[in-house]
Each structure stands twice: as C-alpha cells, then as structure tokens.
Amino acid sequence: MSPKVNNTDKACYEGIKRVEKLTPCALYHGIHIEVCNLCFATPNRLKFLKSERAETKHIVNIISNLAMINYCIGFTLISGNKKLLKYIKQPLLLGRC
C-alpha cells in the first residue's frame, strides 16, 4: 500500500475545457483517470458504438497492451464496481507475462 501524498492536485475536464479549478488533494502515488460519457459532445458517434460489452472488451485489450509495454507501471481497470484488470508493476517484462 502506498502512502498518501499531500502535494498532489486534482483537475476536472469535460472535453478539452476545465470545469473545476485546480485543487489540492491527498492521493496515493500514481495517476487516477476516470473516463465517463465518452461521446457526450457528439451524439452522431453513438450510432457507431457497438454493445457495451464489445466496447469494454476493446478497452480491456488496449489497457492490456499498455500494461505489457509498460511493465514497470502498475495498471488497474475498474468498470462500475467490478475490477476487470490488475497488473502489478514488475522489474522485468518476463514477470508480466
């Protein structure tokens, strides 16, 4: 378990526009990225989306590929309240396989 760090900041964006001021917060070491309503600004793209299960499978595949390339970084993918992936950082690529 990583200790909390007090000199971190929180930023919130919608699209490319910042919707909240940069605020200090206490977080664990690392980066937490939350993606919601990916096509909120372009409803026309909604018709190109497949089922939620298919889209989730694509995201899992992308994160898995990123985790294999960046074996020295830990990755966790959570969808809803369900943990889909957890890759612990490894000193060597062989440990990630």
C-alpha atoms as a PDB file:
ATOM      1  CA  MET A   1       0.000   0.000   0.000  1.00  0.00           C
ATOM      2  CA  SER A   2       1.423   3.377  -0.974  1.00  0.00           C
ATOM      3  CA  PRO A   3       1.449   6.259   1.468  1.00  0.00           C
ATOM      4  CA  LYS A   4      -0.747   9.238   0.676  1.00  0.00           C
ATOM      5  CA  VAL A   5       0.988  12.273  -0.764  1.00  0.00           C
ATOM      6  CA  ASN A   6      -0.222  15.716   0.243  1.00  0.00           C
ATOM      7  CA  ASN A   7       1.330  17.764  -2.563  1.00  0.00           C
ATOM      8  CA  THR A   8      -0.892  16.490  -5.377  1.00  0.00           C
ATOM      9  CA  ASP A   9      -3.571  18.300  -7.347  1.00  0.00           C
ATOM     10  CA  LYS A  10      -6.962  17.398  -8.793  1.00  0.00           C
ATOM     11  CA  ALA A  11      -8.193  18.661 -12.169  1.00  0.00           C
ATOM     12  CA  CYS A  12     -11.572  18.013 -13.801  1.00  0.00           C
ATOM     13  CA  TYR A  13     -12.190  18.397 -17.535  1.00  0.00           C
ATOM     14  CA  GLU A  14     -15.182  17.987 -19.829  1.00  0.00           C
ATOM     15  CA  GLY A  15     -13.928  17.583 -23.349  1.00  0.00           C
ATOM     16  CA  ILE A  16     -10.951  19.933 -23.542  1.00  0.00           C
ATOM     17  CA  LYS A  17     -12.438  22.509 -21.166  1.00  0.00           C
ATOM     18  CA  ARG A  18     -11.506  22.595 -17.474  1.00  0.00           C
ATOM     19  CA  VAL A  19     -14.719  22.668 -15.413  1.00  0.00           C
ATOM     20  CA  GLU A  20     -13.166  22.987 -11.955  1.00  0.00           C
ATOM     21  CA  LYS A  21     -10.240  24.938 -10.612  1.00  0.00           C
ATOM     22  CA  LEU A  22      -7.069  23.036  -9.820  1.00  0.00           C
ATOM     23  CA  THR A  23      -7.446  21.976  -6.195  1.00  0.00           C
ATOM     24  CA  PRO A  24      -5.012  20.295  -3.814  1.00  0.00           C
ATOM     25  CA  CYS A  25      -5.899  16.795  -2.639  1.00  0.00           C
ATOM     26  CA  ALA A  26      -4.309  13.836  -0.882  1.00  0.00           C
ATOM     27  CA  LEU A  27      -3.941  10.831  -3.173  1.00  0.00           C
ATOM     28  CA  TYR A  28      -1.928   7.652  -3.307  1.00  0.00           C
ATOM     29  CA  HIS A  29       1.167   7.684  -5.505  1.00  0.00           C
ATOM     30  CA  GLY A  30       0.223   7.408  -9.171  1.00  0.00           C
ATOM     31  CA  ILE A  31      -2.422   8.697 -11.521  1.00  0.00           C
ATOM     32  CA  HIS A  32      -6.165   8.064 -11.341  1.00  0.00           C
ATOM     33  CA  ILE A  33      -8.007   8.632 -14.622  1.00  0.00           C
ATOM     34  CA  GLU A  34     -11.789   8.415 -14.830  1.00  0.00           C
ATOM     35  CA  VAL A  35     -13.498   8.401 -18.232  1.00  0.00           C
ATOM     36  CA  CYS A  36     -17.286   8.917 -18.403  1.00  0.00           C
ATOM     37  CA  ASN A  37     -19.710   9.670 -21.240  1.00  0.00           C
ATOM     38  CA  LEU A  38     -17.017   9.479 -23.883  1.00  0.00           C
ATOM     39  CA  CYS A  39     -19.326  10.622 -26.728  1.00  0.00           C
ATOM     40  CA  PHE A  40     -21.298  13.275 -24.822  1.00  0.00           C
ATOM     41  CA  ALA A  41     -20.452  16.063 -27.278  1.00  0.00           C
ATOM     42  CA  THR A  42     -21.011  14.068 -30.470  1.00  0.00           C
ATOM     43  CA  PRO A  43     -24.314  12.164 -30.391  1.00  0.00           C
ATOM     44  CA  ASN A  44     -23.804  11.092 -34.016  1.00  0.00           C
ATOM     45  CA  ARG A  45     -20.970   8.825 -32.877  1.00  0.00           C
ATOM     46  CA  LEU A  46     -23.337   6.905 -30.631  1.00  0.00           C
ATOM     47  CA  LYS A  47     -24.712   5.043 -33.666  1.00  0.00           C
ATOM     48  CA  PHE A  48     -21.194   3.747 -34.417  1.00  0.00           C
ATOM     49  CA  LEU A  49     -20.730   2.288 -30.929  1.00  0.00           C
ATOM     50  CA  LYS A  50     -21.251  -1.416 -30.527  1.00  0.00           C
ATOM     51  CA  SER A  51     -22.711  -3.058 -27.441  1.00  0.00           C
ATOM     52  CA  GLU A  52     -21.334  -2.053 -24.042  1.00  0.00           C
ATOM     53  CA  ARG A  53     -19.764  -5.496 -23.714  1.00  0.00           C
ATOM     54  CA  ALA A  54     -17.937  -5.147 -27.055  1.00  0.00           C
ATOM     55  CA  GLU A  55     -16.684  -1.653 -26.216  1.00  0.00           C
ATOM     56  CA  THR A  56     -15.498  -2.836 -22.782  1.00  0.00           C
ATOM     57  CA  LYS A  57     -13.636  -5.707 -24.451  1.00  0.00           C
ATOM     58  CA  HIS A  58     -11.811  -3.216 -26.705  1.00  0.00           C
ATOM     59  CA  ILE A  59     -10.845  -1.090 -23.692  1.00  0.00           C
ATOM     60  CA  VAL A  60      -9.576  -4.168 -21.807  1.00  0.00           C
ATOM     61  CA  ASN A  61      -7.474  -5.077 -24.853  1.00  0.00           C
ATOM     62  CA  ILE A  62      -5.964  -1.574 -25.062  1.00  0.00           C
ATOM     63  CA  ILE A  63      -5.133  -1.443 -21.339  1.00  0.00           C
ATOM     64  CA  SER A  64      -3.637  -4.962 -21.517  1.00  0.00           C
ATOM     65  CA  ASN A  65      -1.391  -3.879 -24.386  1.00  0.00           C
ATOM     66  CA  LEU A  66      -0.327  -0.745 -22.497  1.00  0.00           C
ATOM     67  CA  ALA A  67       0.407  -2.856 -19.415  1.00  0.00           C
ATOM     68  CA  MET A  68       2.584  -5.277 -21.391  1.00  0.00           C
ATOM     69  CA  ILE A  69       4.593  -2.463 -22.953  1.00  0.00           C
ATOM     70  CA  ASN A  70       4.968  -0.565 -19.663  1.00  0.00           C
ATOM     71  CA  TYR A  71       5.739  -3.450 -17.307  1.00  0.00           C
ATOM     72  CA  CYS A  72       7.372  -1.119 -14.752  1.00  0.00           C
ATOM     73  CA  ILE A  73       3.993   0.618 -14.168  1.00  0.00           C
ATOM     74  CA  GLY A  74       1.019  -0.909 -12.339  1.00  0.00           C
ATOM     75  CA  PHE A  75      -2.392  -0.828 -14.049  1.00  0.00           C
ATOM     76  CA  THR A  76      -5.876  -1.400 -12.629  1.00  0.00           C
ATOM     77  CA  LEU A  77      -9.034  -1.191 -14.759  1.00  0.00           C
ATOM     78  CA  ILE A  78     -12.366  -0.829 -12.965  1.00  0.00           C
ATOM     79  CA  SER A  79     -15.734  -0.697 -14.731  1.00  0.00           C
ATOM     80  CA  GLY A  80     -18.633   0.180 -12.454  1.00  0.00           C
ATOM     81  CA  ASN A  81     -17.681  -1.520  -9.201  1.00  0.00           C
ATOM     82  CA  LYS A  82     -16.029  -4.505 -10.893  1.00  0.00           C
ATOM     83  CA  LYS A  83     -12.248  -4.825 -11.184  1.00  0.00           C
ATOM     84  CA  LEU A  84     -11.561  -6.042 -14.730  1.00  0.00           C
ATOM     85  CA  LEU A  85      -7.747  -5.973 -14.766  1.00  0.00           C
ATOM     86  CA  LYS A  86      -4.929  -5.618 -12.283  1.00  0.00           C
ATOM     87  CA  TYR A  87      -1.318  -5.590 -13.407  1.00  0.00           C
ATOM     88  CA  ILE A  88       1.256  -5.118 -10.646  1.00  0.00           C
ATOM     89  CA  LYS A  89       4.430  -3.307 -11.668  1.00  0.00           C
ATOM     90  CA  GLN A  90       7.288  -5.679 -12.440  1.00  0.00           C
ATOM     91  CA  PRO A  91      11.059  -5.187 -12.626  1.00  0.00           C
ATOM     92  CA  LEU A  92      11.224  -7.303 -15.816  1.00  0.00           C
ATOM     93  CA  LEU A  93       8.857  -7.923 -18.718  1.00  0.00           C
ATOM     94  CA  LEU A  94       9.078 -11.657 -18.042  1.00  0.00           C
ATOM     95  CA  GLY A  95       7.238 -11.128 -14.743  1.00  0.00           C
ATOM     96  CA  ARG A  96       4.271  -9.558 -16.572  1.00  0.00           C
ATOM     97  CA  CYS A  97       3.741 -12.493 -18.976  1.00  0.00           C
END
